[in-house]
Amino acid sequence: MQDRMKGKAEEIKGKVTGDKGLQVKGKSRQKVGRVKEAAKSIAYDVEHSKKKR
């Protein structure tokens, strides 16, 4: 969640200042955040499925 929020802030700052590089960096950080969240969710599901066996 933290990476997604930082990324959104960078993207908005880039839009306001006209800095395309910062916009791209912000969008990339948001995607990294989504991947991290998905990985954590998968790890949680795997861990809990092991306990049910």
N, C-alpha and C. Protein backbone atom coordinates (compact mmCIF):
# COMPACT_ATOMS: atom_id res chain seq x y z
N MET A 1 0.82 -1.19 0.00
CA MET A 1 0.00 0.00 0.00
C MET A 1 0.87 1.25 0.00
N GLN A 2 1.95 1.19 0.73
CA GLN A 2 2.82 2.36 0.85
C GLN A 2 3.45 2.72 -0.50
N ASP A 3 3.89 1.70 -1.26
CA ASP A 3 4.48 1.97 -2.57
C ASP A 3 3.44 2.58 -3.52
N ARG A 4 2.21 2.08 -3.43
CA ARG A 4 1.17 2.62 -4.31
C ARG A 4 0.87 4.08 -4.00
N MET A 5 0.84 4.42 -2.71
CA MET A 5 0.57 5.81 -2.33
C MET A 5 1.71 6.73 -2.74
N LYS A 6 2.93 6.29 -2.51
CA LYS A 6 4.09 7.10 -2.91
C LYS A 6 4.11 7.27 -4.43
N GLY A 7 3.80 6.20 -5.13
CA GLY A 7 3.77 6.26 -6.58
C GLY A 7 2.73 7.22 -7.11
N LYS A 8 1.55 7.19 -6.50
CA LYS A 8 0.49 8.10 -6.92
C LYS A 8 0.90 9.55 -6.67
N ALA A 9 1.54 9.79 -5.53
CA ALA A 9 2.01 11.14 -5.22
C ALA A 9 3.04 11.60 -6.25
N GLU A 10 3.97 10.71 -6.61
CA GLU A 10 4.98 11.06 -7.62
C GLU A 10 4.32 11.33 -8.97
N GLU A 11 3.34 10.49 -9.33
CA GLU A 11 2.66 10.69 -10.60
C GLU A 11 1.96 12.04 -10.65
N ILE A 12 1.25 12.39 -9.58
CA ILE A 12 0.54 13.67 -9.53
C ILE A 12 1.54 14.83 -9.57
N LYS A 13 2.63 14.71 -8.81
CA LYS A 13 3.65 15.76 -8.81
C LYS A 13 4.21 15.93 -10.22
N GLY A 14 4.42 14.82 -10.91
CA GLY A 14 4.92 14.88 -12.29
C GLY A 14 3.94 15.58 -13.22
N LYS A 15 2.64 15.29 -13.03
CA LYS A 15 1.62 15.94 -13.87
C LYS A 15 1.59 17.44 -13.62
N VAL A 16 1.65 17.82 -12.35
CA VAL A 16 1.58 19.23 -11.99
C VAL A 16 2.79 20.00 -12.51
N THR A 17 3.97 19.39 -12.38
CA THR A 17 5.20 20.07 -12.80
C THR A 17 5.54 19.85 -14.26
N GLY A 18 4.82 18.93 -14.93
CA GLY A 18 5.10 18.65 -16.33
C GLY A 18 6.30 17.73 -16.51
N ASP A 19 6.69 17.05 -15.47
CA ASP A 19 7.85 16.15 -15.51
C ASP A 19 7.39 14.73 -15.88
N LYS A 20 7.54 14.38 -17.16
CA LYS A 20 7.09 13.07 -17.64
C LYS A 20 7.86 11.93 -16.97
N GLY A 21 9.13 12.14 -16.68
CA GLY A 21 9.94 11.12 -16.03
C GLY A 21 9.40 10.78 -14.65
N LEU A 22 9.00 11.79 -13.92
CA LEU A 22 8.44 11.58 -12.59
C LEU A 22 7.09 10.88 -12.67
N GLN A 23 6.31 11.21 -13.69
CA GLN A 23 5.03 10.53 -13.89
C GLN A 23 5.25 9.04 -14.12
N VAL A 24 6.19 8.71 -14.98
CA VAL A 24 6.49 7.32 -15.30
C VAL A 24 7.02 6.59 -14.06
N LYS A 25 7.89 7.26 -13.32
CA LYS A 25 8.44 6.67 -12.09
C LYS A 25 7.30 6.39 -11.11
N GLY A 26 6.37 7.31 -11.00
CA GLY A 26 5.24 7.12 -10.10
C GLY A 26 4.36 5.96 -10.51
N LYS A 27 4.09 5.85 -11.80
CA LYS A 27 3.27 4.74 -12.29
C LYS A 27 3.99 3.41 -12.06
N SER A 28 5.29 3.41 -12.26
CA SER A 28 6.07 2.18 -12.04
C SER A 28 6.03 1.77 -10.57
N ARG A 29 6.17 2.75 -9.69
CA ARG A 29 6.14 2.45 -8.25
C ARG A 29 4.78 1.89 -7.85
N GLN A 30 3.72 2.41 -8.45
CA GLN A 30 2.39 1.89 -8.16
C GLN A 30 2.27 0.43 -8.57
N LYS A 31 2.82 0.10 -9.73
CA LYS A 31 2.78 -1.29 -10.20
C LYS A 31 3.59 -2.20 -9.30
N VAL A 32 4.73 -1.72 -8.84
CA VAL A 32 5.55 -2.49 -7.90
C VAL A 32 4.75 -2.75 -6.62
N GLY A 33 4.05 -1.75 -6.16
CA GLY A 33 3.23 -1.90 -4.98
C GLY A 33 2.14 -2.94 -5.15
N ARG A 34 1.51 -2.94 -6.33
CA ARG A 34 0.46 -3.94 -6.59
C ARG A 34 1.04 -5.35 -6.61
N VAL A 35 2.22 -5.50 -7.20
CA VAL A 35 2.87 -6.81 -7.25
C VAL A 35 3.22 -7.28 -5.84
N LYS A 36 3.76 -6.38 -5.04
CA LYS A 36 4.10 -6.74 -3.66
C LYS A 36 2.86 -7.17 -2.87
N GLU A 37 1.76 -6.44 -3.05
CA GLU A 37 0.53 -6.79 -2.36
C GLU A 37 0.02 -8.15 -2.81
N ALA A 38 0.09 -8.42 -4.11
CA ALA A 38 -0.35 -9.71 -4.63
C ALA A 38 0.52 -10.84 -4.08
N ALA A 39 1.82 -10.62 -4.02
CA ALA A 39 2.73 -11.63 -3.49
C ALA A 39 2.44 -11.92 -2.02
N LYS A 40 2.17 -10.88 -1.26
CA LYS A 40 1.84 -11.07 0.15
C LYS A 40 0.54 -11.84 0.30
N SER A 41 -0.42 -11.53 -0.53
CA SER A 41 -1.70 -12.21 -0.48
C SER A 41 -1.54 -13.69 -0.82
N ILE A 42 -0.75 -13.98 -1.83
CA ILE A 42 -0.50 -15.37 -2.22
C ILE A 42 0.22 -16.11 -1.11
N ALA A 43 1.22 -15.49 -0.52
CA ALA A 43 1.97 -16.11 0.58
C ALA A 43 1.04 -16.39 1.75
N TYR A 44 0.15 -15.48 2.05
CA TYR A 44 -0.81 -15.66 3.13
C TYR A 44 -1.72 -16.85 2.83
N ASP A 45 -2.23 -16.90 1.59
CA ASP A 45 -3.13 -17.99 1.20
C ASP A 45 -2.41 -19.34 1.27
N VAL A 46 -1.18 -19.39 0.82
CA VAL A 46 -0.41 -20.63 0.86
C VAL A 46 -0.18 -21.07 2.30
N GLU A 47 0.19 -20.15 3.13
CA GLU A 47 0.44 -20.46 4.54
C GLU A 47 -0.81 -21.00 5.22
N HIS A 48 -1.93 -20.37 4.94
CA HIS A 48 -3.18 -20.80 5.58
C HIS A 48 -3.71 -22.10 4.99
N SER A 49 -3.43 -22.37 3.74
CA SER A 49 -3.87 -23.63 3.16
C SER A 49 -3.05 -24.79 3.73
N LYS A 50 -1.79 -24.54 4.10
CA LYS A 50 -0.96 -25.58 4.73
C LYS A 50 -1.51 -25.94 6.11
N LYS A 51 -2.00 -24.94 6.82
CA LYS A 51 -2.52 -25.18 8.16
C LYS A 51 -3.81 -25.99 8.15
N LYS A 52 -4.58 -25.90 7.06
CA LYS A 52 -5.84 -26.61 6.96
C LYS A 52 -5.65 -28.10 6.69
N ARG A 53 -4.50 -28.48 6.21
CA ARG A 53 -4.25 -29.89 5.87
C ARG A 53 -4.05 -30.72 7.07
